[in-house]
Protein backbone atom coordinates (compact mmCIF):
# COMPACT_ATOMS: atom_id res chain seq x y z
CA MET A 1 -58.28 -14.52 15.79
CA ASN A 2 -54.49 -14.61 16.13
CA ILE A 3 -51.68 -12.33 14.91
CA ILE A 4 -49.03 -14.76 13.90
CA ILE A 5 -45.38 -13.13 14.01
CA LYS A 6 -42.06 -14.28 12.20
CA PRO A 7 -39.19 -12.15 13.75
CA TYR A 8 -36.81 -10.65 12.06
CA GLY A 9 -33.53 -12.86 11.69
CA SER A 10 -35.49 -16.05 13.10
CA ASP A 11 -37.11 -19.15 11.35
CA ARG A 12 -39.64 -19.51 14.20
CA CYS A 13 -42.95 -17.80 14.85
CA TYR A 14 -45.22 -16.83 17.91
CA CYS A 15 -48.67 -15.45 18.23
CA ARG A 16 -49.52 -12.10 19.85
CA PRO A 17 -53.17 -11.76 21.79
CA ASP A 18 -55.89 -10.44 19.29
CA THR A 19 -56.13 -7.68 22.11
CA THR A 20 -52.94 -6.07 21.01
CA TRP A 21 -54.51 -5.31 17.38
CA GLU A 22 -54.77 -1.38 16.75
CA ARG A 23 -56.33 -0.60 13.59
CA GLU A 24 -57.71 2.86 13.84
CA ASN A 25 -54.72 5.13 14.76
CA ARG A 26 -55.64 5.36 18.28
CA ASP A 27 -53.23 7.22 20.56
CA PHE A 28 -50.95 4.55 22.48
CA TYR A 29 -50.69 5.25 26.20
CA SER A 30 -48.02 3.81 27.54
CA PRO A 31 -48.58 1.94 31.09
CA GLU A 32 -46.84 3.38 33.94
CA CYS A 33 -44.39 0.25 34.25
CA VAL A 34 -43.35 0.30 30.81
CA TYR A 35 -39.59 1.53 30.91
CA GLU A 36 -38.86 1.61 27.05
CA ILE A 37 -40.70 1.09 23.83
CA TYR A 38 -39.40 -0.27 20.82
CA ARG A 39 -40.91 -0.62 17.33
CA THR A 40 -40.17 -2.39 13.89
CA PRO A 41 -41.94 -2.56 10.72
CA VAL A 42 -44.02 -5.44 9.49
CA LEU A 43 -45.62 -6.65 6.12
CA PHE A 44 -48.73 -8.42 6.96
CA ALA A 45 -51.67 -10.18 5.46
CA ARG A 46 -54.80 -11.53 6.12
CA ILE A 47 -55.91 -15.35 6.03
CA SER A 48 -58.83 -15.82 3.85
CA LYS A 49 -58.86 -19.47 4.20
CA ALA A 50 -58.10 -21.81 6.84
CA GLY A 51 -55.04 -24.17 6.39
CA LYS A 52 -52.24 -26.20 8.00
CA CYS A 53 -49.14 -27.00 6.84
CA ILE A 54 -49.58 -24.99 3.74
CA GLY A 55 -47.08 -25.61 0.85
CA ALA A 56 -45.50 -22.81 -1.25
CA LYS A 57 -47.26 -23.97 -4.15
CA PHE A 58 -50.76 -23.14 -2.70
CA VAL A 59 -49.92 -20.15 -0.22
CA SER A 60 -51.32 -17.45 -2.67
CA ARG A 61 -54.84 -19.27 -2.12
CA TYR A 62 -54.84 -18.17 1.76
CA TYR A 63 -54.63 -14.79 1.92
CA ASP A 64 -56.70 -12.16 0.29
CA GLY A 65 -55.52 -8.51 1.48
CA ILE A 66 -52.03 -7.22 2.56
CA GLY A 67 -50.62 -4.32 4.40
CA PHE A 68 -47.51 -2.61 6.14
CA GLY A 69 -47.91 -1.94 9.59
CA MET A 70 -45.57 -1.38 13.28
CA LEU A 71 -45.19 -3.61 16.20
CA MET A 72 -44.17 -2.15 19.28
CA TYR A 73 -42.35 -4.00 22.11
CA CYS A 74 -42.18 -2.66 25.67
CA SER A 75 -39.68 -3.48 28.00
CA PHE A 76 -40.18 -3.35 32.00
CA SER A 77 -36.57 -2.59 32.97
CA LYS A 78 -33.17 -1.54 31.97
CA ASP A 79 -31.12 -3.74 29.90
CA GLU A 80 -33.98 -6.36 29.61
CA PRO A 81 -32.70 -9.33 27.23
CA ARG A 82 -34.48 -9.12 23.68
CA GLU A 83 -36.29 -12.38 24.17
CA THR A 84 -37.89 -11.34 27.37
CA VAL A 85 -38.59 -8.18 25.73
CA MET A 86 -40.12 -10.29 22.74
CA ALA A 87 -42.33 -12.53 25.32
CA PHE A 88 -43.53 -10.39 27.84
CA GLY A 89 -43.48 -7.31 25.83
CA SER A 90 -45.34 -8.06 22.96
CA CYS A 91 -48.67 -8.78 24.92
CA VAL A 92 -49.38 -5.43 25.73
CA ASP A 93 -52.48 -4.01 24.41
CA HIS A 94 -52.83 -1.71 21.26
CA THR A 95 -49.08 -2.62 20.16
CA SER A 96 -49.83 -4.63 16.86
CA VAL A 97 -50.32 -1.76 14.55
CA LEU A 98 -52.00 -3.36 11.38
CA PRO A 99 -53.88 -0.26 9.66
CA HIS A 100 -57.32 -0.71 7.60
CA PRO A 101 -58.26 -0.93 4.58
CA LEU A 102 -55.99 -3.84 3.49
CA TYR A 103 -54.48 -3.71 -0.38
CA ASN A 104 -54.78 -6.43 -2.71
CA PRO A 105 -51.85 -8.90 -3.08
CA LEU A 106 -50.71 -7.69 -6.52
CA VAL A 107 -50.29 -4.14 -5.19
CA LEU A 108 -47.52 -5.57 -3.30
CA GLU A 109 -45.43 -6.75 -6.62
CA SER A 110 -45.18 -3.42 -7.82
CA GLU A 111 -41.70 -1.77 -6.79
CA GLU A 112 -43.59 1.37 -7.39
CA ASN A 113 -45.28 1.16 -4.41
CA THR A 114 -43.68 2.04 -1.39
CA PHE A 115 -43.93 2.06 2.57
CA GLU A 116 -42.30 4.75 4.31
CA MET A 117 -42.93 5.24 8.15
CA THR A 118 -41.53 8.71 10.13
CA GLU A 119 -41.02 9.19 13.80
CA ASP A 120 -41.57 12.83 14.76
CA GLY A 121 -40.91 13.92 11.12
CA THR A 122 -37.93 12.01 10.40
CA ALA A 123 -37.19 9.15 8.36
CA ALA A 124 -37.51 5.92 10.42
CA TYR A 125 -38.11 3.28 7.60
CA SER A 126 -38.80 2.62 3.78
CA SER A 127 -39.41 -0.32 1.63
CA ALA A 128 -40.05 -0.46 -1.85
CA GLY A 129 -42.60 -3.45 -2.79
CA GLY A 130 -41.63 -6.25 -5.25
CA LYS A 131 -41.63 -9.93 -6.07
CA ASP A 132 -38.82 -10.32 -3.19
CA LYS A 133 -41.39 -9.16 -0.48
CA THR A 134 -44.40 -11.32 -1.80
CA ALA A 135 -41.84 -14.12 -1.25
CA ILE A 136 -40.84 -13.15 2.27
CA LEU A 137 -44.44 -12.84 3.19
CA GLN A 138 -45.69 -16.19 1.52
CA GLU A 139 -42.47 -18.03 3.24
CA ALA A 140 -43.65 -16.35 6.59
CA ILE A 141 -47.34 -17.86 5.75
CA CYS A 142 -45.77 -21.51 5.14
CA LYS A 143 -43.65 -20.95 8.26
CA ALA A 144 -46.30 -19.98 10.73
CA SER A 145 -48.79 -22.78 9.07
CA GLU A 146 -46.15 -25.67 10.35
CA LEU A 147 -46.98 -25.49 14.02
CA THR A 148 -50.18 -23.24 13.99
CA SER A 149 -53.32 -23.74 12.07
CA LEU A 150 -54.55 -20.65 10.19
CA ARG A 151 -58.08 -19.40 10.73
CA ILE A 152 -60.05 -17.17 8.33
CA GLY A 153 -59.23 -13.74 9.79
CA ASP A 154 -56.10 -14.45 11.45
CA PHE A 155 -53.10 -11.87 10.52
CA VAL A 156 -49.40 -13.30 9.85
CA ALA A 157 -47.06 -10.66 9.92
CA VAL A 158 -43.26 -10.45 9.22
CA GLU A 159 -40.66 -8.07 10.95
CA LEU A 160 -38.84 -6.52 8.52
CA GLY A 161 -36.03 -4.95 10.07
CA GLU A 162 -34.74 -5.06 13.98
CA MET A 163 -36.22 -3.39 16.96
CA HIS A 164 -35.05 0.22 17.58
CA PRO A 165 -36.09 2.20 20.67
CA VAL A 166 -39.26 4.65 20.11
CA LYS A 167 -37.36 8.31 20.55
CA GLY A 168 -40.16 10.39 19.90
CA GLY A 169 -43.89 10.47 20.19
CA HIS A 170 -45.57 11.03 16.56
CA ILE A 171 -45.43 8.09 14.20
CA LYS A 172 -46.80 8.20 10.68
CA ALA A 173 -46.48 6.25 7.70
CA ALA A 174 -47.82 5.77 4.30
CA TYR A 175 -48.13 3.20 1.61
CA CYS A 176 -48.89 3.92 -2.19
CA GLY A 177 -49.11 7.46 -1.23
CA ASN A 178 -51.91 7.10 1.17
CA ASP A 179 -51.73 7.95 4.90
CA THR A 180 -52.09 4.49 6.60
CA ILE A 181 -50.47 5.15 10.39
CA ASP A 182 -50.84 8.28 12.14
CA PHE A 183 -50.85 8.48 16.17
CA ARG A 184 -48.89 9.44 19.13
CA ILE A 185 -47.26 7.31 21.77
CA ILE A 186 -48.18 9.39 25.15
CA ARG A 187 -45.56 8.52 28.07
C-alpha cells in the first residue's frame, strides 16, 4: 500500500511508506532526534480500482471512500529547508494520520459537512465541503496516476494548507459532526 501525497501549492506528488499510516488515534511519541514537528491538513481518498494515467472523465470510478486527516513532518535541525523536511521528515512512523471509517464520496459535495481541527483546544483549521473539494481531490488522483501506478488500497491525499509548527500536544478533529482525530504528541 502506498500513500501518495500532493503537497500544498505543488504540481508534483511523492509517496510515503505505509509504516507512516496512523488510523487508530494512538499517541505519537516523537523520536529524540526530532527538533520540530509540523502539521498540515489533508483531504484523502482510498483507491478502489487499479489505474495509471487516469483521465478526469473517469476518475470518480477509481475511489470509494474519502476523509480528512493530517500529515506530520519532522525536522531534525534548526532552520532545515522545507524540501529536506518533506523528504526526510515524511518517513517517520505514524505521521500520516488518515482516520477510519471513511465516508461515501458524495458526503464531500455538501457544503454543510465541515472538517474542523483543533490544537490544545484552539482552532487550527476549518474547511467546508463542496464540489470544489471534490475537484481538488480528483485532480490530485489524476496527477498522482501520471507517474505512479495506483493500486487497490492505496491512498491519495492532497494537502489543504501550508505546514505549521505543532505548538501544543493534543490534536483533535471532527468531520460531519463526528470525532475523527484525537491523539497527543508526546515529546
